[in-house]
Protein backbone atom coordinates (compact mmCIF):
# COMPACT_ATOMS: atom_id res chain seq x y z
CA MET A 1 53.01 1.09 -48.70
CA SER A 2 49.69 0.94 -48.48
CA ARG A 3 49.77 -2.21 -46.87
CA SER A 4 51.31 -1.21 -43.98
CA ILE A 5 48.50 0.86 -43.15
CA TRP A 6 46.11 -2.27 -42.60
CA PRO A 7 47.89 -3.56 -39.64
CA SER A 8 47.95 -0.63 -37.58
CA ARG A 9 43.85 -0.06 -38.44
CA ARG A 10 42.89 -3.14 -37.50
CA ALA A 11 45.07 -2.99 -34.02
CA ALA A 12 43.05 0.36 -33.60
CA SER A 13 39.86 -1.61 -34.31
CA ALA A 14 40.38 -4.43 -31.94
CA VAL A 15 41.34 -1.92 -28.93
CA ALA A 16 38.16 0.00 -29.76
CA ALA A 17 36.29 -3.06 -29.37
CA VAL A 18 37.63 -4.33 -26.62
CA PHE A 19 37.19 -0.74 -24.67
CA MET A 20 33.75 -0.80 -25.59
CA MET A 21 33.20 -4.45 -24.44
CA THR A 22 34.40 -3.24 -21.06
CA VAL A 23 32.60 -0.35 -20.79
CA ALA A 24 29.16 -2.32 -21.81
CA GLY A 25 30.05 -4.82 -18.94
CA ALA A 26 30.73 -2.20 -16.17
CA LEU A 27 27.04 -0.47 -17.36
CA GLY A 28 25.50 -3.69 -17.54
CA GLY A 29 26.72 -4.76 -13.98
CA CYS A 30 25.05 -1.81 -12.76
CA GLY A 31 21.44 -3.15 -11.34
CA SER A 32 21.87 -6.31 -12.96
CA LYS A 33 22.79 -9.88 -12.59
CA LYS A 34 23.91 -12.51 -14.37
CA GLU A 35 21.63 -15.89 -15.30
CA ASN A 36 23.52 -18.63 -17.27
CA GLY A 37 26.27 -16.03 -18.45
CA THR A 38 23.84 -13.60 -19.41
CA VAL A 39 23.59 -10.24 -18.21
CA VAL A 40 19.77 -9.41 -16.74
CA LYS A 41 18.87 -6.31 -15.33
CA ASP A 42 16.50 -6.23 -12.20
CA ALA A 43 13.24 -5.34 -12.99
CA ALA A 44 11.77 -2.26 -10.76
CA PRO A 45 9.09 -3.63 -8.33
CA ARG A 46 5.96 -3.44 -9.72
CA CYS A 47 2.19 -4.08 -8.13
CA ALA A 48 0.35 -6.75 -9.52
CA LYS A 49 -2.88 -6.78 -11.06
CA ALA A 50 -5.77 -6.32 -9.28
CA ALA A 51 -7.75 -9.39 -8.69
CA ARG A 52 -11.70 -9.46 -8.73
CA LEU A 53 -13.34 -8.27 -5.48
CA ALA A 54 -15.94 -10.30 -3.65
CA LYS A 55 -19.37 -8.70 -3.97
CA SER A 56 -21.20 -7.25 -1.53
CA LYS A 57 -23.95 -3.94 -1.35
CA GLY A 58 -22.47 -0.91 -1.53
CA LYS A 59 -18.71 -2.37 -2.08
CA PRO A 60 -16.46 -0.98 -4.79
CA THR A 61 -16.38 -3.30 -7.59
CA LYS A 62 -12.96 -2.56 -8.10
CA VAL A 63 -9.97 -0.82 -6.93
CA GLU A 64 -7.51 0.61 -8.89
CA LEU A 65 -3.83 -0.33 -7.76
CA PRO A 66 -0.65 1.96 -8.23
CA SER A 67 1.77 0.60 -11.19
CA ALA A 68 4.54 0.44 -8.57
CA PRO A 69 4.67 0.78 -4.64
CA ALA A 70 3.90 3.72 -3.13
CA ALA A 71 6.60 5.81 -1.71
CA LYS A 72 4.41 8.30 -0.22
CA LEU A 73 1.08 8.54 1.05
CA VAL A 74 -1.60 9.44 -1.75
CA LYS A 75 -5.17 10.31 -0.97
CA GLN A 76 -7.82 10.38 -3.47
CA ASP A 77 -11.55 11.21 -2.78
CA LEU A 78 -13.54 9.02 -5.05
CA ARG A 79 -16.66 10.59 -3.47
CA PRO A 80 -17.09 14.11 -1.63
CA GLY A 81 -18.85 13.60 1.52
CA THR A 82 -21.65 16.03 2.90
CA GLY A 83 -21.69 15.62 6.43
CA THR A 84 -19.04 16.16 9.14
CA ALA A 85 -15.34 16.04 8.56
CA ALA A 86 -13.11 14.00 10.01
CA VAL A 87 -10.79 15.56 12.58
CA GLN A 88 -7.90 14.22 15.40
CA GLY A 89 -9.81 12.87 18.42
CA LYS A 90 -13.15 11.87 16.82
CA GLN A 91 -14.83 8.30 16.83
CA LEU A 92 -15.03 7.36 13.08
CA THR A 93 -17.45 5.02 11.74
CA VAL A 94 -16.26 3.51 8.43
CA ASN A 95 -16.57 0.51 5.84
CA TYR A 96 -13.44 -0.42 4.06
CA VAL A 97 -11.55 -2.81 1.60
CA GLY A 98 -8.10 -3.40 1.58
CA ILE A 99 -5.90 -4.56 -1.30
CA SER A 100 -2.26 -5.64 -1.65
CA CYS A 101 0.09 -4.12 -3.66
CA SER A 102 2.25 -7.19 -4.36
CA THR A 103 -0.23 -10.16 -4.78
CA GLY A 104 -3.47 -7.63 -5.89
CA GLN A 105 -5.73 -9.50 -3.37
CA GLU A 106 -8.40 -8.71 -1.28
CA PHE A 107 -6.93 -9.26 2.31
CA ASP A 108 -9.75 -7.50 4.38
CA SER A 109 -13.25 -5.97 4.05
CA SER A 110 -15.70 -4.59 6.39
CA TRP A 111 -18.19 -5.60 3.64
CA GLY A 112 -20.05 -8.24 3.80
CA LYS A 113 -17.86 -9.51 6.66
CA LYS A 114 -20.74 -11.08 8.88
CA GLY A 115 -22.36 -12.61 5.77
CA LYS A 116 -23.76 -11.69 1.98
CA ASP A 117 -24.61 -7.82 2.00
CA LYS A 118 -24.25 -7.62 6.13
CA ASP A 119 -21.42 -5.45 7.30
CA ASP A 120 -19.22 -5.01 9.77
CA PRO A 121 -17.89 -1.31 10.02
CA LEU A 122 -15.25 -0.53 11.76
CA LYS A 123 -15.24 1.81 15.06
CA PHE A 124 -11.98 3.71 15.72
CA VAL A 125 -10.53 7.39 17.39
CA LEU A 126 -8.61 9.12 14.55
CA GLY A 127 -5.15 9.50 15.84
CA ALA A 128 -5.44 7.52 18.98
CA GLY A 129 -2.74 5.04 17.26
CA THR A 130 -5.14 2.07 17.44
CA VAL A 131 -5.38 1.74 13.35
CA ILE A 132 -2.27 1.88 10.78
CA LYS A 133 -0.56 5.35 10.62
CA GLY A 134 -1.50 5.79 6.93
CA TRP A 135 -5.36 5.79 8.14
CA ASP A 136 -4.79 8.29 11.35
CA GLN A 137 -3.04 10.75 8.49
CA GLY A 138 -4.78 9.71 5.22
CA LEU A 139 -8.66 10.09 6.75
CA VAL A 140 -8.22 13.13 8.17
CA GLY A 141 -10.78 15.91 6.05
CA LEU A 142 -12.77 13.25 4.56
CA LYS A 143 -16.61 14.08 5.24
CA GLU A 144 -19.54 11.71 6.39
CA LYS A 145 -20.96 9.96 3.38
CA GLY A 146 -17.28 10.52 1.39
CA ARG A 147 -15.43 7.89 -0.08
CA ARG A 148 -11.64 7.90 -0.20
CA ARG A 149 -8.80 5.64 -1.86
CA LEU A 150 -5.40 5.18 0.00
CA VAL A 151 -2.28 4.48 -1.03
CA ILE A 152 0.00 3.76 1.92
CA PRO A 153 3.39 2.57 1.43
CA GLY A 154 4.81 0.18 3.99
CA ASP A 155 6.37 2.36 6.52
CA LEU A 156 2.76 4.07 6.97
CA ALA A 157 1.23 0.48 7.35
CA TYR A 158 2.62 -2.75 8.52
CA GLY A 159 6.05 -2.15 8.08
CA PRO A 160 9.24 -4.54 7.49
CA THR A 161 7.15 -7.58 9.58
CA GLY A 162 4.02 -7.24 7.79
CA GLN A 163 1.08 -9.45 8.99
CA PRO A 164 1.71 -13.01 6.95
CA PRO A 165 0.47 -14.47 5.27
CA THR A 166 -1.60 -12.27 3.57
CA ILE A 167 0.57 -8.95 3.72
CA GLN A 168 4.29 -9.17 3.10
CA GLY A 169 6.88 -6.86 4.81
CA ASN A 170 6.97 -3.04 3.64
CA ASP A 171 4.09 -4.13 1.18
CA THR A 172 1.88 -0.96 -0.25
CA LEU A 173 -1.35 -1.34 0.81
CA VAL A 174 -4.54 0.13 -1.30
CA PHE A 175 -7.99 1.20 0.50
CA VAL A 176 -11.18 2.17 -0.59
CA VAL A 177 -13.15 4.06 2.82
CA ASP A 178 -16.38 5.05 3.38
CA LEU A 179 -16.83 7.46 5.94
CA LEU A 180 -19.86 6.64 7.57
CA LYS A 181 -20.24 8.68 10.81
CA VAL A 182 -18.43 11.08 12.66
CA ASP A 183 -19.31 11.31 16.52
CA LYS A 184 -17.51 12.48 20.00
CA ALA A 185 -14.98 10.08 20.93
CA PRO A 186 -16.13 7.60 23.67
CA ALA A 187 -15.96 8.77 27.33
CA THR A 188 -13.18 7.34 29.44
CA THR A 189 -12.94 6.60 32.89
CA THR A 190 -9.79 6.38 35.25
CA THR A 191 -9.83 3.85 37.82
CA GLY A 192 -6.51 4.27 40.04
CA SER A 193 -3.96 4.17 37.55
CA THR A 194 -6.07 2.45 35.12
CA THR A 195 -7.71 4.05 31.97
CA THR A 196 -10.56 2.31 30.74
CA THR A 197 -13.04 3.30 27.58
CA THR A 198 -16.63 2.69 26.77
CA ALA A 199 -15.94 2.28 23.12
CA PRO A 200 -16.49 -1.51 21.92
CA PRO A 201 -13.02 -3.49 22.17
CA SER A 202 -11.06 -3.51 19.32
CA ARG A 203 -10.85 -6.19 16.60
CA SER A 204 -8.06 -8.79 17.44
CA THR A 205 -4.90 -8.59 15.59
CA THR A 206 -3.72 -12.07 15.50
CA THR A 207 -6.79 -13.19 13.51
CA THR A 208 -7.66 -10.45 11.11
CA SER A 209 -5.34 -7.92 8.91
CA LYS A 210 -7.09 -5.21 10.24
CA PRO A 211 -6.13 -1.56 9.77
């Protein structure tokens, strides 16, 4: 009589095993893929390890990258300034270095741009749309002589097109920016329907990955 129990127990165990395998397979399929018959979970996007920066006087020796691409703008003051604060409509003069989250590589820097220890500071009017949105939004409130780290998500940087080959589409970018000076915006003159400005010409977007 005791023997008649075993077949039913084995059958129940087999059914349970099949059920567990089915559930595990269903769960394993979420956010995963098969490679050579083995289910491999997709890894969450990660930022690369930051590479060594090119040296130049006054330039940061390293820039901290986030562990993963950013979903929103992050502002971190590394050195509080002591002068005039940056506001929309003012002309800013800045030094900067930019790092790609996806590669960990420096893609642009004003420090040493004209040769060793010879900088090429960038001038632009804050909020005028001549730089990426992450700068227009992220530099407000920074004071002269201050240094700020910006972690900028792709939608506030170069978007889905990026700036190949150095910046991939939707790449998170990390900048360290030194605010050197806050000035009045350059005077503009209107001739007929054309408006011109006395500011220096902007840097070409076709030859450099400028902010």
